[in-house]
Amino acid sequence: MSSVELRSRLNISSLEDYRTKCDLIFLYKLLDHTTDCSDLLSLINFRCSTRILRDMPVFSIKHYHTNYGKFSPINRIQTLGNDFSQSYDLVDTGFVRFKHCLTEYVRNGR
């Protein structure tokens, strides 16, 4: 029996899915001030535009020339936040609704 079949049979998510959920929950709590850390919040780059567009990303992602910078935790979380916000509301949702949307997001393969 393969690990994928075993995970499916036991209803266990993959480590990648688990990390995605944890990252997005952390981002939600950081933006909702449930996690109070102004130093981390200051590292989040919000995209501010004079025009309001439907498909505009919430976060501005810095461009790095190295994989170390590209896959840094803050960059990874903001990239996930932009991807999640294309289908679901990241900010204006209660936590229970957010977790439901997050489960749906991960189940659909992002």
Protein backbone atom coordinates (compact mmCIF):
# COMPACT_ATOMS: atom_id res chain seq x y z
CA MET A 1 0.00 0.00 0.00
CA SER A 2 1.45 3.37 -1.00
CA SER A 3 1.71 6.31 1.38
CA VAL A 4 -0.90 8.22 -0.64
CA GLU A 5 -3.40 5.36 -0.29
CA LEU A 6 -2.63 5.03 3.41
CA ARG A 7 -3.07 8.79 4.01
CA SER A 8 -6.35 8.68 2.10
CA ARG A 9 -7.58 5.66 4.01
CA LEU A 10 -6.70 7.19 7.40
CA ASN A 11 -7.90 10.66 6.34
CA ILE A 12 -4.51 12.26 7.00
CA SER A 13 -3.43 15.26 4.97
CA SER A 14 0.01 15.55 3.40
CA LEU A 15 2.73 17.61 5.04
CA GLU A 16 2.47 20.12 2.19
CA ASP A 17 -1.25 20.59 2.83
CA TYR A 18 -0.64 20.83 6.57
CA ARG A 19 2.03 23.51 6.06
CA THR A 20 -0.26 25.45 3.71
CA LYS A 21 -3.04 25.40 6.30
CA CYS A 22 -0.70 26.47 9.11
CA ASP A 23 0.79 29.29 7.03
CA LEU A 24 -2.60 30.68 6.03
CA ILE A 25 -4.01 30.38 9.55
CA PHE A 26 -0.97 32.25 10.86
CA LEU A 27 -1.43 34.96 8.21
CA TYR A 28 -5.13 35.25 9.08
CA LYS A 29 -4.39 35.58 12.79
CA LEU A 30 -1.65 38.11 12.11
CA LEU A 31 -3.99 40.26 10.02
CA ASP A 32 -6.87 39.82 12.49
CA HIS A 33 -4.60 40.83 15.41
CA THR A 34 -5.29 37.53 17.17
CA THR A 35 -1.52 37.08 17.02
CA ASP A 36 -0.13 40.37 18.23
CA CYS A 37 3.28 40.90 16.68
CA SER A 38 3.80 44.31 15.13
CA ASP A 39 7.33 43.38 14.01
CA LEU A 40 6.02 40.58 11.79
CA LEU A 41 3.06 42.64 10.63
CA SER A 42 5.46 45.37 9.48
CA LEU A 43 7.13 42.82 7.15
CA ILE A 44 3.85 42.20 5.29
CA ASN A 45 3.72 44.26 2.09
CA PHE A 46 0.16 45.26 1.23
CA ARG A 47 -0.52 46.23 -2.35
CA CYS A 48 -2.09 49.68 -2.50
CA SER A 49 -3.41 50.91 -5.81
CA THR A 50 -5.30 53.99 -6.88
CA ARG A 51 -7.61 51.81 -8.96
CA ILE A 52 -9.64 48.99 -7.50
CA LEU A 53 -9.40 45.86 -9.62
CA ARG A 54 -11.15 42.56 -8.96
CA ASP A 55 -8.16 40.32 -9.53
CA MET A 56 -5.64 42.55 -7.79
CA PRO A 57 -3.40 40.64 -5.35
CA VAL A 58 -3.66 41.66 -1.69
CA PHE A 59 0.09 41.51 -1.10
CA SER A 60 3.04 42.88 -3.02
CA ILE A 61 5.68 40.17 -3.31
CA LYS A 62 9.31 41.27 -3.32
CA HIS A 63 11.50 39.84 -6.08
CA TYR A 64 14.59 38.04 -4.86
CA HIS A 65 17.56 36.77 -6.86
CA THR A 66 18.12 33.75 -4.62
CA ASN A 67 15.95 30.78 -3.65
CA TYR A 68 16.68 31.61 -0.01
CA GLY A 69 14.90 34.94 -0.38
CA LYS A 70 12.22 33.67 -2.72
CA PHE A 71 11.11 30.93 -0.33
CA SER A 72 11.52 32.89 2.90
CA PRO A 73 8.60 32.43 5.32
CA ILE A 74 7.15 35.93 4.86
CA ASN A 75 7.37 35.69 1.06
CA ARG A 76 5.85 32.19 1.09
CA ILE A 77 2.96 33.29 3.33
CA GLN A 78 2.21 36.35 1.20
CA THR A 79 2.27 34.27 -2.00
CA LEU A 80 -0.15 31.77 -0.44
CA GLY A 81 -2.32 34.68 0.73
CA ASN A 82 -2.51 36.08 -2.80
CA ASP A 83 -3.40 32.67 -4.22
CA PHE A 84 -6.03 32.04 -1.52
CA SER A 85 -7.59 35.50 -1.93
CA GLN A 86 -8.30 34.87 -5.63
CA SER A 87 -11.04 32.41 -4.61
CA TYR A 88 -11.87 33.28 -1.01
CA ASP A 89 -12.04 36.35 1.20
CA LEU A 90 -8.93 36.45 3.35
CA VAL A 91 -9.70 39.38 5.60
CA ASP A 92 -13.44 39.96 6.01
CA THR A 93 -14.40 36.53 7.33
CA GLY A 94 -14.89 34.98 10.75
CA PHE A 95 -12.37 32.37 11.82
CA VAL A 96 -14.78 29.42 11.57
CA ARG A 97 -15.78 30.42 8.02
CA PHE A 98 -12.12 31.00 7.15
CA LYS A 99 -11.16 27.48 8.29
CA HIS A 100 -14.01 26.02 6.25
CA CYS A 101 -12.82 27.91 3.15
CA LEU A 102 -9.25 26.85 3.88
CA THR A 103 -10.21 23.18 4.03
CA GLU A 104 -12.05 23.55 0.73
CA TYR A 105 -9.06 25.39 -0.79
CA VAL A 106 -6.61 22.63 0.20
CA ARG A 107 -9.01 19.84 -0.83
CA ASN A 108 -9.38 21.37 -4.31
CA GLY A 109 -5.62 21.30 -4.77
CA ARG A 110 -5.03 25.04 -4.49
